[in-house]
Protein backbone atom coordinates (compact mmCIF):
# COMPACT_ATOMS: atom_id res chain seq x y z
CA MET A 1 -10.63 77.60 -61.89
CA SER A 2 -11.99 80.86 -59.85
CA ASN A 3 -13.82 79.22 -56.98
CA SER A 4 -11.71 77.81 -54.27
CA GLN A 5 -12.70 74.34 -53.05
CA SER A 6 -11.36 72.55 -49.96
CA LEU A 7 -10.51 69.33 -47.80
CA SER A 8 -10.00 68.20 -44.77
CA GLY A 9 -7.93 65.64 -42.96
CA ARG A 10 -4.53 64.27 -42.33
CA ILE A 11 -2.61 66.17 -44.98
CA LEU A 12 0.97 65.20 -45.84
CA THR A 13 3.01 68.54 -45.99
CA PRO A 14 6.95 68.61 -47.24
CA ALA A 15 7.40 69.92 -43.67
CA GLY A 16 5.23 66.60 -42.72
CA TRP A 17 1.89 65.64 -41.14
CA LEU A 18 -0.81 68.10 -40.50
CA LEU A 19 -4.13 67.64 -39.33
CA GLY A 20 -6.02 70.62 -41.55
CA ARG A 21 -7.64 71.96 -44.11
CA VAL A 22 -5.93 72.51 -48.46
CA GLU A 23 -7.60 75.77 -50.20
CA PHE A 24 -7.21 75.03 -54.14
CA GLY A 25 -8.08 75.88 -57.15
CA GLU A 26 -5.82 75.19 -59.96
CA ARG A 27 -3.48 75.08 -57.81
CA VAL A 28 -2.90 75.37 -53.80
CA LEU A 29 -3.72 78.47 -52.30
CA SER A 30 -2.78 77.81 -48.97
CA ILE A 31 -2.99 74.71 -45.97
CA ARG A 32 -3.81 75.36 -42.05
CA PRO A 33 -4.53 74.04 -39.02
CA ASP A 34 -7.50 72.79 -38.45
CA ALA A 35 -8.64 71.13 -35.04
CA SER A 36 -12.53 70.16 -36.50
CA ALA A 37 -10.34 67.75 -38.95
CA SER A 38 -11.48 64.29 -39.49
CA ALA A 39 -8.17 62.00 -38.74
CA GLU A 40 -9.78 59.12 -40.75
CA LEU A 41 -8.76 61.11 -44.16
CA THR A 42 -5.62 60.71 -45.39
CA ILE A 43 -4.58 63.42 -47.90
CA LEU A 44 -1.29 62.69 -49.83
CA PRO A 45 0.03 63.99 -53.31
CA GLY A 46 -1.39 62.76 -56.29
CA PHE A 47 0.81 60.35 -57.72
CA VAL A 48 3.21 60.75 -60.48
CA ASP A 49 3.71 57.28 -62.73
CA LEU A 50 7.05 57.85 -64.99
CA HIS A 51 6.81 54.81 -66.99
CA VAL A 52 3.02 54.12 -68.17
CA HIS A 53 2.12 51.83 -71.44
CA GLY A 54 -1.57 51.71 -71.19
CA GLY A 55 -4.34 50.38 -68.99
CA ALA A 56 -8.10 49.98 -69.63
CA GLY A 57 -8.03 48.02 -72.66
CA VAL A 58 -5.91 49.81 -74.81
CA ASP A 59 -1.98 50.37 -75.33
CA ILE A 60 -0.13 53.90 -75.94
CA MET A 61 1.15 52.33 -78.91
CA GLN A 62 -2.09 52.39 -80.56
CA GLY A 63 -2.40 55.78 -81.15
CA GLY A 64 -4.86 57.92 -81.87
CA GLU A 65 -7.42 58.26 -78.89
CA THR A 66 -5.71 55.81 -76.18
CA ALA A 67 -3.59 57.52 -74.90
CA VAL A 68 -6.31 59.80 -73.52
CA GLU A 69 -8.08 56.43 -72.20
CA VAL A 70 -5.34 55.46 -70.19
CA ALA A 71 -4.70 58.94 -68.90
CA ARG A 72 -8.26 58.18 -67.48
CA ALA A 73 -7.63 54.98 -66.17
CA HIS A 74 -5.20 55.72 -64.57
CA ALA A 75 -6.54 58.75 -62.68
CA GLN A 76 -9.23 56.78 -61.24
CA HIS A 77 -6.47 54.90 -58.93
CA GLY A 78 -5.21 58.69 -58.01
CA THR A 79 -2.51 58.97 -60.75
CA THR A 80 -2.68 62.67 -61.48
CA SER A 81 0.39 62.97 -64.22
CA LEU A 82 2.50 60.40 -66.00
CA LEU A 83 4.34 59.87 -68.94
CA GLY A 84 3.28 57.81 -71.78
CA THR A 85 6.04 54.86 -72.52
CA THR A 86 6.52 53.33 -75.85
CA MET A 87 7.81 50.00 -76.92
CA THR A 88 10.60 49.06 -78.87
CA ALA A 89 8.95 48.65 -83.01
CA SER A 90 9.52 50.16 -86.44
CA PRO A 91 10.03 54.45 -86.77
CA ALA A 92 6.69 54.74 -87.76
CA SER A 93 4.85 52.82 -85.41
CA ILE A 94 6.67 54.98 -83.05
CA GLU A 95 5.45 57.73 -84.45
CA HIS A 96 2.21 56.43 -85.00
CA ALA A 97 2.62 56.43 -80.84
CA LEU A 98 3.74 59.72 -80.80
CA ASP A 99 1.30 61.54 -82.76
CA GLY A 100 -0.99 60.35 -80.16
CA LEU A 101 0.94 61.72 -77.84
CA ALA A 102 0.96 64.97 -78.74
CA GLU A 103 -2.40 65.52 -79.62
CA ALA A 104 -3.38 64.33 -75.78
CA MET A 105 -0.57 66.73 -74.54
CA LEU A 106 -2.47 69.78 -76.03
CA GLU A 107 -5.34 70.26 -73.86
CA ARG A 108 -6.03 68.00 -70.82
CA ALA A 109 -9.39 66.15 -71.02
CA PRO A 110 -11.78 66.27 -68.07
CA GLY A 111 -11.37 63.53 -65.68
CA THR A 112 -7.64 62.60 -67.11
CA ALA A 113 -4.23 62.16 -65.69
CA ARG A 114 -1.98 65.47 -67.28
CA ILE A 115 0.45 64.06 -69.91
CA LEU A 116 3.78 65.45 -69.09
CA GLY A 117 6.05 63.61 -72.23
CA VAL A 118 6.87 60.73 -73.37
CA HIS A 119 9.16 58.11 -71.92
CA LEU A 120 10.97 56.59 -75.19
CA GLU A 121 11.97 52.77 -73.56
CA GLY A 122 13.29 51.82 -76.72
CA PRO A 123 14.22 50.90 -79.40
CA PHE A 124 17.77 51.63 -78.03
CA ILE A 125 18.03 49.37 -75.74
CA SER A 126 20.04 45.55 -76.03
CA ALA A 127 18.85 42.79 -77.95
CA LYS A 128 20.05 40.43 -74.79
CA ARG A 129 18.13 42.30 -72.40
CA LEU A 130 14.76 42.35 -74.89
CA GLY A 131 12.36 41.59 -71.62
CA ALA A 132 8.95 41.79 -73.39
CA GLN A 133 10.06 43.91 -76.07
CA PRO A 134 10.51 42.87 -80.18
CA ASN A 135 13.52 42.12 -81.36
CA LEU A 136 13.67 45.58 -83.07
CA VAL A 137 16.46 47.41 -81.02
CA CYS A 138 19.26 49.90 -82.96
CA SER A 139 21.46 51.65 -81.88
CA ALA A 140 20.21 55.41 -81.10
CA THR A 141 21.49 58.37 -83.16
CA LEU A 142 21.30 61.94 -82.33
CA GLU A 143 19.23 62.78 -85.72
CA GLN A 144 16.61 59.75 -84.53
CA VAL A 145 15.94 61.55 -81.24
CA LEU A 146 15.31 64.57 -82.55
CA HIS A 147 13.54 63.54 -84.91
CA TYR A 148 11.04 61.97 -82.18
CA HIS A 149 11.69 64.91 -80.16
CA ALA A 150 10.23 67.11 -82.38
CA ILE A 151 7.17 65.03 -82.55
CA ALA A 152 6.33 64.98 -78.91
CA PRO A 153 8.85 65.93 -76.16
CA ILE A 154 10.75 62.92 -74.48
CA LYS A 155 11.66 63.73 -70.67
CA VAL A 156 13.00 60.00 -69.87
CA LEU A 157 14.74 58.36 -72.60
CA THR A 158 15.99 54.11 -71.90
CA LEU A 159 18.74 53.00 -73.39
CA ALA A 160 21.18 50.80 -72.94
CA PRO A 161 24.72 52.23 -72.29
CA GLU A 162 27.31 49.46 -73.64
CA LEU A 163 25.58 50.19 -77.26
CA SER A 164 28.02 51.85 -79.70
CA GLY A 165 27.74 55.41 -79.96
CA HIS A 166 25.35 55.81 -76.62
CA LEU A 167 27.93 57.02 -74.21
CA ALA A 168 28.99 59.87 -76.62
CA LEU A 169 25.19 60.63 -77.22
CA ILE A 170 23.97 60.84 -73.06
CA PRO A 171 25.35 64.64 -72.83
CA GLN A 172 23.65 65.39 -75.29
CA LEU A 173 20.49 64.63 -74.40
CA ASN A 174 21.08 65.80 -71.79
CA GLU A 175 21.13 69.41 -73.04
CA LEU A 176 17.73 68.57 -74.65
CA GLY A 177 16.69 68.29 -71.07
CA ILE A 178 15.92 64.91 -71.44
CA ARG A 179 16.72 61.88 -68.64
CA VAL A 180 18.52 59.37 -70.08
CA GLN A 181 17.93 56.03 -67.94
CA ILE A 182 20.11 52.50 -68.32
CA GLY A 183 17.69 49.82 -68.87
CA HIS A 184 17.36 46.62 -71.13
CA SER A 185 20.82 46.11 -70.95
CA ALA A 186 23.22 43.66 -70.67
CA GLY A 187 26.19 46.25 -69.85
CA SER A 188 28.77 45.70 -67.40
CA TYR A 189 28.96 47.54 -63.57
CA GLU A 190 32.14 49.65 -65.53
CA ASP A 191 29.62 49.92 -68.49
CA GLY A 192 26.98 51.45 -66.38
CA VAL A 193 29.42 53.54 -63.90
CA ALA A 194 30.78 54.67 -66.85
CA ALA A 195 27.01 55.95 -68.38
CA LEU A 196 26.50 57.80 -64.47
CA ASP A 197 29.43 59.60 -65.13
CA ALA A 198 28.44 60.59 -68.44
CA GLY A 199 25.48 61.84 -67.33
CA VAL A 200 22.87 59.26 -66.80
CA ALA A 201 19.84 60.02 -63.72
CA GLY A 202 18.34 56.96 -63.80
CA PHE A 203 17.44 52.92 -64.37
CA THR A 204 14.30 51.50 -66.23
CA HIS A 205 13.03 49.13 -63.42
CA LEU A 206 15.38 48.09 -61.75
CA PHE A 207 16.71 44.90 -61.41
CA ASN A 208 13.89 44.16 -64.49
CA GLY A 209 15.80 44.04 -67.44
CA MET A 210 19.60 44.36 -66.99
CA THR A 211 22.44 42.30 -65.21
CA ALA A 212 22.16 41.18 -61.73
CA LEU A 213 24.47 41.65 -58.65
CA SER A 214 27.07 38.71 -58.08
CA HIS A 215 29.92 39.94 -55.69
CA TYR A 216 32.24 39.41 -58.37
CA GLN A 217 30.27 41.03 -60.81
CA PRO A 218 28.01 43.91 -59.68
CA GLY A 219 26.73 44.38 -63.24
CA ILE A 220 24.13 47.46 -63.51
CA VAL A 221 22.58 46.74 -60.54
CA GLY A 222 25.53 46.88 -58.91
CA ALA A 223 26.25 50.70 -60.57
CA ALA A 224 22.59 51.26 -59.47
CA LEU A 225 23.04 50.47 -55.64
CA ALA A 226 26.21 51.68 -55.38
CA HIS A 227 26.31 55.37 -57.13
CA ALA A 228 22.75 55.90 -58.21
CA GLU A 229 20.52 58.65 -56.75
CA TYR A 230 17.25 58.31 -58.48
CA ALA A 231 15.80 54.49 -60.17
CA GLU A 232 12.65 53.66 -60.81
CA LEU A 233 11.03 49.77 -59.19
CA ILE A 234 8.28 48.22 -59.74
CA PRO A 235 6.50 47.95 -56.63
CA ASP A 236 3.98 44.75 -58.05
CA LEU A 237 5.29 42.41 -55.42
CA GLN A 238 5.75 40.12 -58.85
CA HIS A 239 8.61 42.21 -60.33
CA VAL A 240 11.24 42.40 -57.42
CA HIS A 241 10.94 40.21 -54.41
CA PRO A 242 10.65 43.01 -50.64
CA GLY A 243 14.12 42.05 -49.76
CA ALA A 244 15.72 43.46 -53.68
CA MET A 245 13.23 46.48 -52.74
CA ARG A 246 14.43 47.13 -49.31
CA ALA A 247 17.81 47.15 -50.57
CA ALA A 248 17.56 49.20 -53.06
CA LEU A 249 15.05 51.78 -51.20
CA ARG A 250 18.22 51.80 -48.67
CA ALA A 251 20.33 52.17 -50.65
CA ILE A 252 19.47 54.64 -53.54
CA PRO A 253 17.97 58.24 -51.97
CA LYS A 254 15.51 58.80 -54.49
CA LEU A 255 14.49 56.12 -55.62
CA TYR A 256 10.81 56.03 -56.87
CA CYS A 257 8.31 53.73 -58.03
CA VAL A 258 6.29 53.25 -61.72
CA THR A 259 3.09 51.14 -62.59
CA ASP A 260 4.91 50.21 -65.63
CA ALA A 261 1.38 49.50 -66.50
CA THR A 262 -0.23 47.56 -69.71
CA ALA A 263 -3.02 47.57 -71.35
CA ALA A 264 -4.71 44.69 -68.81
CA THR A 265 -4.65 47.20 -65.69
CA GLY A 266 -8.25 47.69 -64.48
CA MET A 267 -9.22 44.62 -67.32
CA PRO A 268 -10.04 41.16 -66.23
CA ASP A 269 -8.43 38.33 -67.23
CA GLY A 270 -7.14 37.84 -70.90
CA GLU A 271 -5.13 38.29 -73.69
CA TYR A 272 -4.15 42.56 -74.55
CA ALA A 273 -1.73 44.15 -76.78
CA LEU A 274 1.71 45.18 -75.10
CA GLY A 275 3.01 47.26 -78.49
CA SER A 276 3.18 44.39 -81.10
CA GLN A 277 3.10 41.71 -78.38
CA ARG A 278 -0.06 39.93 -77.39
CA VAL A 279 0.15 39.25 -73.29
CA MET A 280 -2.01 37.38 -71.16
CA LYS A 281 -3.10 38.51 -67.58
CA CYS A 282 -4.15 35.74 -65.28
CA LEU A 283 -4.73 36.29 -61.48
CA GLY A 284 -3.27 40.20 -62.02
CA CYS A 285 0.34 38.66 -63.62
CA VAL A 286 0.67 39.69 -67.33
CA ARG A 287 3.31 37.82 -68.85
CA LEU A 288 3.58 37.17 -72.52
CA ALA A 289 3.32 33.44 -73.71
CA SER A 290 7.02 32.64 -73.20
CA GLY A 291 5.94 32.97 -69.36
CA SER A 292 7.94 36.19 -69.39
CA LEU A 293 6.97 39.32 -66.94
CA ALA A 294 5.69 41.68 -69.56
CA GLY A 295 4.54 44.62 -68.16
CA SER A 296 2.21 45.08 -65.36
CA ALA A 297 -1.85 45.29 -64.32
CA LEU A 298 -0.48 47.60 -61.28
CA THR A 299 -2.37 50.90 -60.31
CA MET A 300 -0.44 53.76 -58.04
CA ASP A 301 -2.70 53.36 -55.40
CA GLN A 302 -2.21 49.70 -54.97
CA ALA A 303 1.33 50.95 -55.15
CA LEU A 304 0.77 52.72 -52.22
CA ARG A 305 -0.50 49.66 -50.13
CA ASN A 306 2.25 47.45 -51.48
CA LEU A 307 4.97 49.60 -50.07
CA LEU A 308 3.02 49.77 -46.65
CA ALA A 309 3.21 45.72 -46.85
CA ILE A 310 7.11 45.43 -47.26
CA GLY A 311 7.20 48.20 -44.26
CA LEU A 312 7.59 51.70 -45.39
CA ASP A 313 5.75 54.10 -43.73
CA LEU A 314 2.76 56.20 -45.35
CA ALA A 315 5.56 59.35 -45.85
CA ALA A 316 8.03 57.83 -47.51
CA ALA A 317 6.15 55.71 -49.24
CA SER A 318 4.04 58.48 -50.80
CA ASN A 319 7.42 59.72 -51.42
CA CYS A 320 8.04 56.99 -53.69
CA LEU A 321 5.01 57.70 -55.53
CA SER A 322 4.65 61.63 -55.75
CA SER A 323 8.05 63.84 -54.84
CA HIS A 324 10.70 61.50 -55.93
CA PRO A 325 9.57 60.74 -59.50
CA ALA A 326 8.33 64.66 -59.70
CA ASP A 327 12.03 66.11 -58.14
CA TYR A 328 13.16 63.77 -61.10
CA LEU A 329 11.45 65.58 -63.78
CA GLY A 330 12.70 69.04 -61.73
CA LEU A 331 8.89 69.70 -61.10
CA ALA A 332 8.68 71.93 -58.53
CA GLU A 333 5.16 72.14 -58.85
CA ARG A 334 4.06 68.89 -58.45
CA GLY A 335 3.97 65.85 -56.23
CA ARG A 336 4.03 67.80 -53.32
CA ILE A 337 1.19 70.07 -51.33
CA ALA A 338 2.43 73.21 -50.98
CA PRO A 339 1.11 76.82 -51.96
CA GLY A 340 1.42 77.36 -55.63
CA ALA A 341 2.32 73.83 -56.64
CA TRP A 342 -0.78 72.22 -58.83
CA ALA A 343 -3.35 71.17 -56.88
CA ASP A 344 -3.10 67.49 -57.26
CA LEU A 345 -4.23 65.64 -54.33
CA VAL A 346 -5.62 61.95 -53.78
CA VAL A 347 -7.47 61.22 -50.37
CA PHE A 348 -7.28 57.75 -48.53
CA ASP A 349 -10.08 56.36 -45.93
CA ALA A 350 -8.58 54.52 -42.89
CA ASP A 351 -8.31 51.56 -44.63
CA LEU A 352 -6.12 53.04 -47.38
CA GLN A 353 -8.83 52.85 -49.74
CA LEU A 354 -9.11 55.89 -52.22
CA GLN A 355 -11.61 57.95 -51.71
CA THR A 356 -11.26 61.21 -53.83
CA VAL A 357 -8.84 61.94 -56.77
CA VAL A 358 -7.98 66.00 -57.75
CA ILE A 359 -6.31 66.88 -60.70
CA GLU A 360 -5.20 70.24 -60.90
CA GLY A 361 -8.52 71.68 -58.88
CA GLU A 362 -10.99 69.59 -60.69
CA PHE A 363 -12.27 66.45 -58.57
CA VAL A 364 -11.83 63.71 -60.97
CA PRO A 365 -15.54 61.46 -60.80
CA ARG A 366 -15.66 58.18 -59.81
CA ASP A 367 -16.61 54.45 -62.05
């Protein structure tokens, strides 16, 4: 993009708040004070969502063009970059989804969030903690991961560390640049600590799909609260009680938030696909026929409002949705408004309603 553009308002910069103007092309060119800027408009870094299954009625496991459709749907809510997230499935089904993601990553389609890579959330999980995943689980091998990684770049991989061979595999995955995180695990506190020592970087939807904290058996949750620097959490106010959210925010320095969004996101109540499963959206909640929670219908702009509702200030809430997940992936040029960073920007009005989305300098048309 050759011509520079600008936005003005109350800007969240790495140094704090500034009433000013940000000038940008594809990347941020400058940020400067501007006394004439409206303090009614708040400019935040675009949201970085590292756990997205679907949206707008389609699921990434369907392959083909669905990844682009999902990225377009989430851009409408301020997500400027994301990880397409898979489900536990047959190898052929996972390969089909990865083919679609790889194609979508070749060039960012107009009006869509940047797909940064893949979050492989299965099949290397525990059959005892499936959550909404089908029981097609298996233990991971380096050969299998390399096969998937060659189709589309895996940035985050969820596994249950207690499964045979997984502890030894963690350092090898780290060498590939893959962030390994614990999820869908029936492991103990000791299993979690051993995995962290082996190089695990985070935890998948903290509290959900893992052994809970008790004072006699701290579980995987206890390992996260005691030792983790990073973990992801779903702040839809359904998956995790606000009190537990506050405890995690206090314990984990760079806890970040994800939507775990399904095809039901942005859609009316009804039945939708989640991988090979059918889920029902009702009153904003997504569940299996059994009644178990099955992903969410959350968007990142609503996540921001939910974090404020439980008591976070706006800067801290923004960090959970932008800089922390960007830092987790080692992306210094995303998740912050700074010269040289990608011009990924979201603008909110005084009522915290999303007004403008800019992705890599492109103003995204709003539906």
